[in-house]
């Protein structure tokens, strides 16, 4: 996945997050369903942002960004803030 595709995916995930929150406010989605899906969306977004940052860093270091692979969710979610 190239940078343009990653940014498109990030936009899709953010749009879905906003739609989910809107549906929740309207009473169309149960709270537990919202929480579960939001967690999934947040983790997916974290993975996408991590991959995009690492691809950009690789490019700046003169490394082919296509060699950078997506990290597992457990690894990305385990980072300290």
PDB file of N, CA and C in Angstrom:
ATOM      1  N   UNK A   1       0.852  -1.169   0.000  1.00  0.00           N
ATOM      2  CA  UNK A   1       0.000   0.000   0.000  1.00  0.00           C
ATOM      3  C   UNK A   1       0.902   1.237   0.000  1.00  0.00           C
ATOM      4  N   UNK A   2       0.675   2.155  -0.946  1.00  0.00           N
ATOM      5  CA  UNK A   2       1.496   3.359  -0.990  1.00  0.00           C
ATOM      6  C   UNK A   2       0.891   4.449  -0.088  1.00  0.00           C
ATOM      7  N   UNK A   3       1.594   5.575   0.012  1.00  0.00           N
ATOM      8  CA  UNK A   3       1.164   6.644   0.913  1.00  0.00           C
ATOM      9  C   UNK A   3      -0.229   7.171   0.557  1.00  0.00           C
ATOM     10  N   UNK A   4      -0.495   7.320  -0.729  1.00  0.00           N
ATOM     11  CA  UNK A   4      -1.791   7.833  -1.164  1.00  0.00           C
ATOM     12  C   UNK A   4      -2.911   6.878  -0.734  1.00  0.00           C
ATOM     13  N   UNK A   5      -2.686   5.597  -0.896  1.00  0.00           N
ATOM     14  CA  UNK A   5      -3.674   4.593  -0.484  1.00  0.00           C
ATOM     15  C   UNK A   5      -3.858   4.599   1.031  1.00  0.00           C
ATOM     16  N   UNK A   6      -2.761   4.771   1.765  1.00  0.00           N
ATOM     17  CA  UNK A   6      -2.844   4.836   3.229  1.00  0.00           C
ATOM     18  C   UNK A   6      -3.666   6.043   3.674  1.00  0.00           C
ATOM     19  N   UNK A   7      -3.412   7.190   3.066  1.00  0.00           N
ATOM     20  CA  UNK A   7      -4.165   8.389   3.423  1.00  0.00           C
ATOM     21  C   UNK A   7      -5.643   8.224   3.081  1.00  0.00           C
ATOM     22  N   UNK A   8      -5.934   7.569   1.985  1.00  0.00           N
ATOM     23  CA  UNK A   8      -7.320   7.292   1.613  1.00  0.00           C
ATOM     24  C   UNK A   8      -7.969   6.375   2.653  1.00  0.00           C
ATOM     25  N   UNK A   9      -7.251   5.357   3.076  1.00  0.00           N
ATOM     26  CA  UNK A   9      -7.766   4.428   4.087  1.00  0.00           C
ATOM     27  C   UNK A   9      -8.019   5.154   5.407  1.00  0.00           C
ATOM     28  N   UNK A  10      -7.107   6.037   5.793  1.00  0.00           N
ATOM     29  CA  UNK A  10      -7.272   6.819   7.024  1.00  0.00           C
ATOM     30  C   UNK A  10      -8.540   7.662   6.933  1.00  0.00           C
ATOM     31  N   UNK A  11      -8.759   8.298   5.796  1.00  0.00           N
ATOM     32  CA  UNK A  11      -9.955   9.105   5.590  1.00  0.00           C
ATOM     33  C   UNK A  11     -11.214   8.255   5.707  1.00  0.00           C
ATOM     34  N   UNK A  12     -11.197   7.070   5.125  1.00  0.00           N
ATOM     35  CA  UNK A  12     -12.347   6.167   5.217  1.00  0.00           C
ATOM     36  C   UNK A  12     -12.643   5.787   6.666  1.00  0.00           C
ATOM     37  N   UNK A  13     -11.596   5.472   7.418  1.00  0.00           N
ATOM     38  CA  UNK A  13     -11.775   5.077   8.816  1.00  0.00           C
ATOM     39  C   UNK A  13     -12.319   6.224   9.656  1.00  0.00           C
ATOM     40  N   UNK A  14     -11.804   7.427   9.436  1.00  0.00           N
ATOM     41  CA  UNK A  14     -12.284   8.601  10.176  1.00  0.00           C
ATOM     42  C   UNK A  14     -13.737   8.880   9.813  1.00  0.00           C
ATOM     43  N   UNK A  15     -14.068   8.775   8.537  1.00  0.00           N
ATOM     44  CA  UNK A  15     -15.459   8.980   8.112  1.00  0.00           C
ATOM     45  C   UNK A  15     -16.387   7.967   8.782  1.00  0.00           C
ATOM     46  N   UNK A  16     -15.963   6.708   8.830  1.00  0.00           N
ATOM     47  CA  UNK A  16     -16.784   5.685   9.482  1.00  0.00           C
ATOM     48  C   UNK A  16     -16.952   5.987  10.966  1.00  0.00           C
ATOM     49  N   UNK A  17     -15.889   6.448  11.599  1.00  0.00           N
ATOM     50  CA  UNK A  17     -15.963   6.806  13.013  1.00  0.00           C
ATOM     51  C   UNK A  17     -17.003   7.908  13.237  1.00  0.00           C
ATOM     52  N   UNK A  18     -16.971   8.929  12.394  1.00  0.00           N
ATOM     53  CA  UNK A  18     -17.938  10.028  12.527  1.00  0.00           C
ATOM     54  C   UNK A  18     -19.371   9.542  12.285  1.00  0.00           C
ATOM     55  N   UNK A  19     -19.552   8.690  11.283  1.00  0.00           N
ATOM     56  CA  UNK A  19     -20.882   8.145  10.998  1.00  0.00           C
ATOM     57  C   UNK A  19     -21.392   7.310  12.179  1.00  0.00           C
ATOM     58  N   UNK A  20     -20.510   6.516  12.763  1.00  0.00           N
ATOM     59  CA  UNK A  20     -20.887   5.686  13.899  1.00  0.00           C
ATOM     60  C   UNK A  20     -21.328   6.547  15.080  1.00  0.00           C
ATOM     61  N   UNK A  21     -20.573   7.592  15.344  1.00  0.00           N
ATOM     62  CA  UNK A  21     -20.929   8.484  16.458  1.00  0.00           C
ATOM     63  C   UNK A  21     -22.269   9.183  16.189  1.00  0.00           C
ATOM     64  N   UNK A  22     -22.505   9.568  14.954  1.00  0.00           N
ATOM     65  CA  UNK A  22     -23.769  10.205  14.583  1.00  0.00           C
ATOM     66  C   UNK A  22     -24.930   9.235  14.757  1.00  0.00           C
ATOM     67  N   UNK A  23     -24.741   8.004  14.321  1.00  0.00           N
ATOM     68  CA  UNK A  23     -25.786   6.980  14.468  1.00  0.00           C
ATOM     69  C   UNK A  23     -26.058   6.692  15.938  1.00  0.00           C
ATOM     70  N   UNK A  24     -25.014   6.717  16.756  1.00  0.00           N
ATOM     71  CA  UNK A  24     -25.172   6.468  18.201  1.00  0.00           C
ATOM     72  C   UNK A  24     -26.016   7.561  18.828  1.00  0.00           C
ATOM     73  N   UNK A  25     -25.724   8.813  18.486  1.00  0.00           N
ATOM     74  CA  UNK A  25     -26.485   9.937  19.022  1.00  0.00           C
ATOM     75  C   UNK A  25     -27.955   9.834  18.606  1.00  0.00           C
ATOM     76  N   UNK A  26     -28.194   9.353  17.383  1.00  0.00           N
ATOM     77  CA  UNK A  26     -29.563   9.203  16.880  1.00  0.00           C
ATOM     78  C   UNK A  26     -30.258   7.977  17.466  1.00  0.00           C
ATOM     79  N   UNK A  27     -29.532   7.150  18.210  1.00  0.00           N
ATOM     80  CA  UNK A  27     -30.117   5.966  18.823  1.00  0.00           C
ATOM     81  C   UNK A  27     -30.175   4.759  17.911  1.00  0.00           C
ATOM     82  N   UNK A  28     -29.440   4.815  16.799  1.00  0.00           N
ATOM     83  CA  UNK A  28     -29.449   3.711  15.834  1.00  0.00           C
ATOM     84  C   UNK A  28     -28.423   2.617  16.132  1.00  0.00           C
ATOM     85  N   UNK A  29     -27.530   2.870  17.091  1.00  0.00           N
ATOM     86  CA  UNK A  29     -26.476   1.909  17.421  1.00  0.00           C
ATOM     87  C   UNK A  29     -26.420   1.742  18.931  1.00  0.00           C
ATOM     88  N   UNK A  30     -26.346   0.505  19.379  1.00  0.00           N
ATOM     89  CA  UNK A  30     -26.241   0.230  20.811  1.00  0.00           C
ATOM     90  C   UNK A  30     -24.876   0.674  21.330  1.00  0.00           C
ATOM     91  N   UNK A  31     -24.829   1.067  22.562  1.00  0.00           N
ATOM     92  CA  UNK A  31     -23.598   1.566  23.170  1.00  0.00           C
ATOM     93  C   UNK A  31     -22.465   0.549  23.107  1.00  0.00           C
ATOM     94  N   UNK A  32     -22.750  -0.724  23.437  1.00  0.00           N
ATOM     95  CA  UNK A  32     -21.690  -1.729  23.431  1.00  0.00           C
ATOM     96  C   UNK A  32     -21.190  -1.992  22.014  1.00  0.00           C
ATOM     97  N   UNK A  33     -22.069  -1.920  21.041  1.00  0.00           N
ATOM     98  CA  UNK A  33     -21.656  -2.094  19.643  1.00  0.00           C
ATOM     99  C   UNK A  33     -20.759  -0.930  19.215  1.00  0.00           C
ATOM    100  N   UNK A  34     -21.139   0.275  19.633  1.00  0.00           N
ATOM    101  CA  UNK A  34     -20.348   1.458  19.308  1.00  0.00           C
ATOM    102  C   UNK A  34     -18.950   1.353  19.913  1.00  0.00           C
ATOM    103  N   UNK A  35     -18.881   0.991  21.181  1.00  0.00           N
ATOM    104  CA  UNK A  35     -17.597   0.897  21.875  1.00  0.00           C
ATOM    105  C   UNK A  35     -16.687  -0.115  21.187  1.00  0.00           C
ATOM    106  N   UNK A  36     -17.239  -1.253  20.844  1.00  0.00           N
ATOM    107  CA  UNK A  36     -16.457  -2.301  20.191  1.00  0.00           C
ATOM    108  C   UNK A  36     -15.935  -1.840  18.827  1.00  0.00           C
ATOM    109  N   UNK A  37     -16.816  -1.264  18.031  1.00  0.00           N
ATOM    110  CA  UNK A  37     -16.408  -0.830  16.686  1.00  0.00           C
ATOM    111  C   UNK A  37     -15.451   0.347  16.764  1.00  0.00           C
ATOM    112  N   UNK A  38     -15.669   1.271  17.696  1.00  0.00           N
ATOM    113  CA  UNK A  38     -14.752   2.404  17.852  1.00  0.00           C
ATOM    114  C   UNK A  38     -13.353   1.925  18.223  1.00  0.00           C
ATOM    115  N   UNK A  39     -13.282   0.936  19.100  1.00  0.00           N
ATOM    116  CA  UNK A  39     -11.978   0.385  19.481  1.00  0.00           C
ATOM    117  C   UNK A  39     -11.275  -0.184  18.247  1.00  0.00           C
ATOM    118  N   UNK A  40     -12.026  -0.915  17.441  1.00  0.00           N
ATOM    119  CA  UNK A  40     -11.475  -1.487  16.218  1.00  0.00           C
ATOM    120  C   UNK A  40     -11.007  -0.394  15.258  1.00  0.00           C
ATOM    121  N   UNK A  41     -11.820   0.645  15.100  1.00  0.00           N
ATOM    122  CA  UNK A  41     -11.451   1.752  14.213  1.00  0.00           C
ATOM    123  C   UNK A  41     -10.195   2.467  14.707  1.00  0.00           C
ATOM    124  N   UNK A  42     -10.128   2.722  16.010  1.00  0.00           N
ATOM    125  CA  UNK A  42      -8.963   3.403  16.577  1.00  0.00           C
ATOM    126  C   UNK A  42      -7.690   2.589  16.383  1.00  0.00           C
ATOM    127  N   UNK A  43      -7.780   1.293  16.580  1.00  0.00           N
ATOM    128  CA  UNK A  43      -6.603   0.440  16.395  1.00  0.00           C
ATOM    129  C   UNK A  43      -6.188   0.401  14.927  1.00  0.00           C
ATOM    130  N   UNK A  44      -7.146   0.353  14.030  1.00  0.00           N
ATOM    131  CA  UNK A  44      -6.837   0.371  12.602  1.00  0.00           C
ATOM    132  C   UNK A  44      -6.186   1.692  12.204  1.00  0.00           C
ATOM    133  N   UNK A  45      -6.714   2.783  12.754  1.00  0.00           N
ATOM    134  CA  UNK A  45      -6.112   4.091  12.475  1.00  0.00           C
ATOM    135  C   UNK A  45      -4.682   4.162  13.010  1.00  0.00           C
ATOM    136  N   UNK A  46      -4.465   3.655  14.206  1.00  0.00           N
ATOM    137  CA  UNK A  46      -3.109   3.639  14.764  1.00  0.00           C
ATOM    138  C   UNK A  46      -2.154   2.875  13.852  1.00  0.00           C
ATOM    139  N   UNK A  47      -2.599   1.746  13.347  1.00  0.00           N
ATOM    140  CA  UNK A  47      -1.761   0.952  12.441  1.00  0.00           C
ATOM    141  C   UNK A  47      -1.452   1.725  11.164  1.00  0.00           C
ATOM    142  N   UNK A  48      -2.454   2.370  10.598  1.00  0.00           N
ATOM    143  CA  UNK A  48      -2.248   3.124   9.362  1.00  0.00           C
ATOM    144  C   UNK A  48      -1.281   4.284   9.580  1.00  0.00           C
ATOM    145  N   UNK A  49      -1.485   5.043  10.651  1.00  0.00           N
ATOM    146  CA  UNK A  49      -0.585   6.166  10.927  1.00  0.00           C
ATOM    147  C   UNK A  49       0.839   5.683  11.183  1.00  0.00           C
ATOM    148  N   UNK A  50       0.975   4.590  11.916  1.00  0.00           N
ATOM    149  CA  UNK A  50       2.300   4.022  12.187  1.00  0.00           C
ATOM    150  C   UNK A  50       2.993   3.654  10.874  1.00  0.00           C
ATOM    151  N   UNK A  51       2.285   2.975  10.001  1.00  0.00           N
ATOM    152  CA  UNK A  51       2.867   2.568   8.726  1.00  0.00           C
ATOM    153  C   UNK A  51       3.232   3.779   7.881  1.00  0.00           C
ATOM    154  N   UNK A  52       2.371   4.773   7.835  1.00  0.00           N
ATOM    155  CA  UNK A  52       2.653   5.974   7.049  1.00  0.00           C
ATOM    156  C   UNK A  52       3.897   6.692   7.574  1.00  0.00           C
ATOM    157  N   UNK A  53       4.003   6.855   8.893  1.00  0.00           N
ATOM    158  CA  UNK A  53       5.183   7.511   9.476  1.00  0.00           C
ATOM    159  C   UNK A  53       6.462   6.731   9.165  1.00  0.00           C
ATOM    160  N   UNK A  54       6.374   5.408   9.274  1.00  0.00           N
ATOM    161  CA  UNK A  54       7.559   4.580   9.021  1.00  0.00           C
ATOM    162  C   UNK A  54       7.943   4.600   7.545  1.00  0.00           C
ATOM    163  N   UNK A  55       6.964   4.644   6.655  1.00  0.00           N
ATOM    164  CA  UNK A  55       7.248   4.737   5.215  1.00  0.00           C
ATOM    165  C   UNK A  55       7.937   6.066   4.897  1.00  0.00           C
ATOM    166  N   UNK A  56       7.454   7.141   5.498  1.00  0.00           N
ATOM    167  CA  UNK A  56       8.057   8.454   5.273  1.00  0.00           C
ATOM    168  C   UNK A  56       9.471   8.504   5.834  1.00  0.00           C
ATOM    169  N   UNK A  57       9.685   7.918   6.995  1.00  0.00           N
ATOM    170  CA  UNK A  57      11.026   7.885   7.589  1.00  0.00           C
ATOM    171  C   UNK A  57      11.974   7.065   6.719  1.00  0.00           C
ATOM    172  N   UNK A  58      11.502   5.954   6.203  1.00  0.00           N
ATOM    173  CA  UNK A  58      12.329   5.124   5.324  1.00  0.00           C
ATOM    174  C   UNK A  58      12.731   5.911   4.081  1.00  0.00           C
ATOM    175  N   UNK A  59      11.775   6.603   3.488  1.00  0.00           N
ATOM    176  CA  UNK A  59      12.054   7.393   2.286  1.00  0.00           C
ATOM    177  C   UNK A  59      13.120   8.448   2.583  1.00  0.00           C
ATOM    178  N   UNK A  60      12.992   9.145   3.722  1.00  0.00           N
ATOM    179  CA  UNK A  60      13.970  10.166   4.098  1.00  0.00           C
ATOM    180  C   UNK A  60      15.355   9.570   4.335  1.00  0.00           C
ATOM    181  N   UNK A  61      15.389   8.308   4.758  1.00  0.00           N
ATOM    182  CA  UNK A  61      16.665   7.635   5.023  1.00  0.00           C
ATOM    183  C   UNK A  61      17.228   6.974   3.764  1.00  0.00           C
ATOM    184  N   UNK A  62      16.529   7.134   2.639  1.00  0.00           N
ATOM    185  CA  UNK A  62      17.009   6.555   1.396  1.00  0.00           C
ATOM    186  C   UNK A  62      16.671   5.087   1.232  1.00  0.00           C
ATOM    187  N   UNK A  63      15.722   4.613   2.014  1.00  0.00           N
ATOM    188  CA  UNK A  63      15.292   3.213   1.955  1.00  0.00           C
ATOM    189  C   UNK A  63      13.976   3.152   1.184  1.00  0.00           C
ATOM    190  N   UNK A  64      13.792   2.089   0.432  1.00  0.00           N
ATOM    191  CA  UNK A  64      12.554   1.902  -0.314  1.00  0.00           C
ATOM    192  C   UNK A  64      11.394   1.762   0.666  1.00  0.00           C
ATOM    193  N   UNK A  65      10.424   2.681   0.652  1.00  0.00           N
ATOM    194  CA  UNK A  65       9.309   2.599   1.598  1.00  0.00           C
ATOM    195  C   UNK A  65       8.445   1.359   1.391  1.00  0.00           C
ATOM    196  N   UNK A  66       8.520   0.760   0.230  1.00  0.00           N
ATOM    197  CA  UNK A  66       7.735  -0.446  -0.023  1.00  0.00           C
ATOM    198  C   UNK A  66       8.261  -1.660   0.744  1.00  0.00           C
ATOM    199  N   UNK A  67       9.448  -1.523   1.311  1.00  0.00           N
ATOM    200  CA  UNK A  67      10.013  -2.601   2.126  1.00  0.00           C
ATOM    201  C   UNK A  67       9.473  -2.574   3.558  1.00  0.00           C
ATOM    202  N   UNK A  68       8.823  -1.474   3.928  1.00  0.00           N
ATOM    203  CA  UNK A  68       8.268  -1.328   5.279  1.00  0.00           C
ATOM    204  C   UNK A  68       6.946  -2.081   5.349  1.00  0.00           C
ATOM    205  N   UNK A  69       6.826  -2.934   6.334  1.00  0.00           N
ATOM    206  CA  UNK A  69       5.610  -3.730   6.493  1.00  0.00           C
ATOM    207  C   UNK A  69       4.782  -3.226   7.669  1.00  0.00           C
ATOM    208  N   UNK A  70       3.492  -3.458   7.578  1.00  0.00           N
ATOM    209  CA  UNK A  70       2.588  -3.084   8.656  1.00  0.00           C
ATOM    210  C   UNK A  70       2.900  -3.904   9.906  1.00  0.00           C
ATOM    211  N   UNK A  71       2.924  -3.234  11.039  1.00  0.00           N
ATOM    212  CA  UNK A  71       3.159  -3.926  12.303  1.00  0.00           C
ATOM    213  C   UNK A  71       1.840  -4.471  12.843  1.00  0.00           C
ATOM    214  N   UNK A  72       1.903  -5.547  13.626  1.00  0.00           N
ATOM    215  CA  UNK A  72       0.683  -6.095  14.235  1.00  0.00           C
ATOM    216  C   UNK A  72       0.044  -5.085  15.190  1.00  0.00           C
ATOM    217  N   UNK A  73      -1.261  -5.167  15.311  1.00  0.00           N
ATOM    218  CA  UNK A  73      -1.984  -4.261  16.218  1.00  0.00           C
ATOM    219  C   UNK A  73      -1.433  -4.319  17.637  1.00  0.00           C
ATOM    220  N   UNK A  74      -1.135  -5.513  18.100  1.00  0.00           N
ATOM    221  CA  UNK A  74      -0.653  -5.650  19.483  1.00  0.00           C
ATOM    222  C   UNK A  74       0.633  -4.866  19.689  1.00  0.00           C
ATOM    223  N   UNK A  75       1.487  -4.835  18.680  1.00  0.00           N
ATOM    224  CA  UNK A  75       2.739  -4.074  18.801  1.00  0.00           C
ATOM    225  C   UNK A  75       2.464  -2.578  18.769  1.00  0.00           C
ATOM    226  N   UNK A  76       1.658  -2.136  17.820  1.00  0.00           N
ATOM    227  CA  UNK A  76       1.358  -0.719  17.689  1.00  0.00           C
ATOM    228  C   UNK A  76       0.623  -0.204  18.926  1.00  0.00           C
ATOM    229  N   UNK A  77      -0.325  -0.980  19.423  1.00  0.00           N
ATOM    230  CA  UNK A  77      -1.097  -0.572  20.590  1.00  0.00           C
ATOM    231  C   UNK A  77      -0.287  -0.639  21.870  1.00  0.00           C
ATOM    232  N   UNK A  78       0.845  -1.316  21.859  1.00  0.00           N
ATOM    233  CA  UNK A  78       1.679  -1.440  23.046  1.00  0.00           C
ATOM    234  C   UNK A  78       2.667  -0.303  23.231  1.00  0.00           C
ATOM    235  N   UNK A  79       2.719   0.641  22.291  1.00  0.00           N
ATOM    236  CA  UNK A  79       3.651   1.765  22.398  1.00  0.00           C
ATOM    237  C   UNK A  79       3.287   2.655  23.571  1.00  0.00           C
ATOM    238  N   UNK A  80       4.280   3.200  24.225  1.00  0.00           N
ATOM    239  CA  UNK A  80       4.055   4.174  25.296  1.00  0.00           C
ATOM    240  C   UNK A  80       3.805   5.531  24.676  1.00  0.00           C
ATOM    241  N   UNK A  81       2.925   6.279  25.304  1.00  0.00           N
ATOM    242  CA  UNK A  81       2.626   7.635  24.809  1.00  0.00           C
ATOM    243  C   UNK A  81       3.485   8.646  25.509  1.00  0.00           C
TER     244      UNK A  81
END
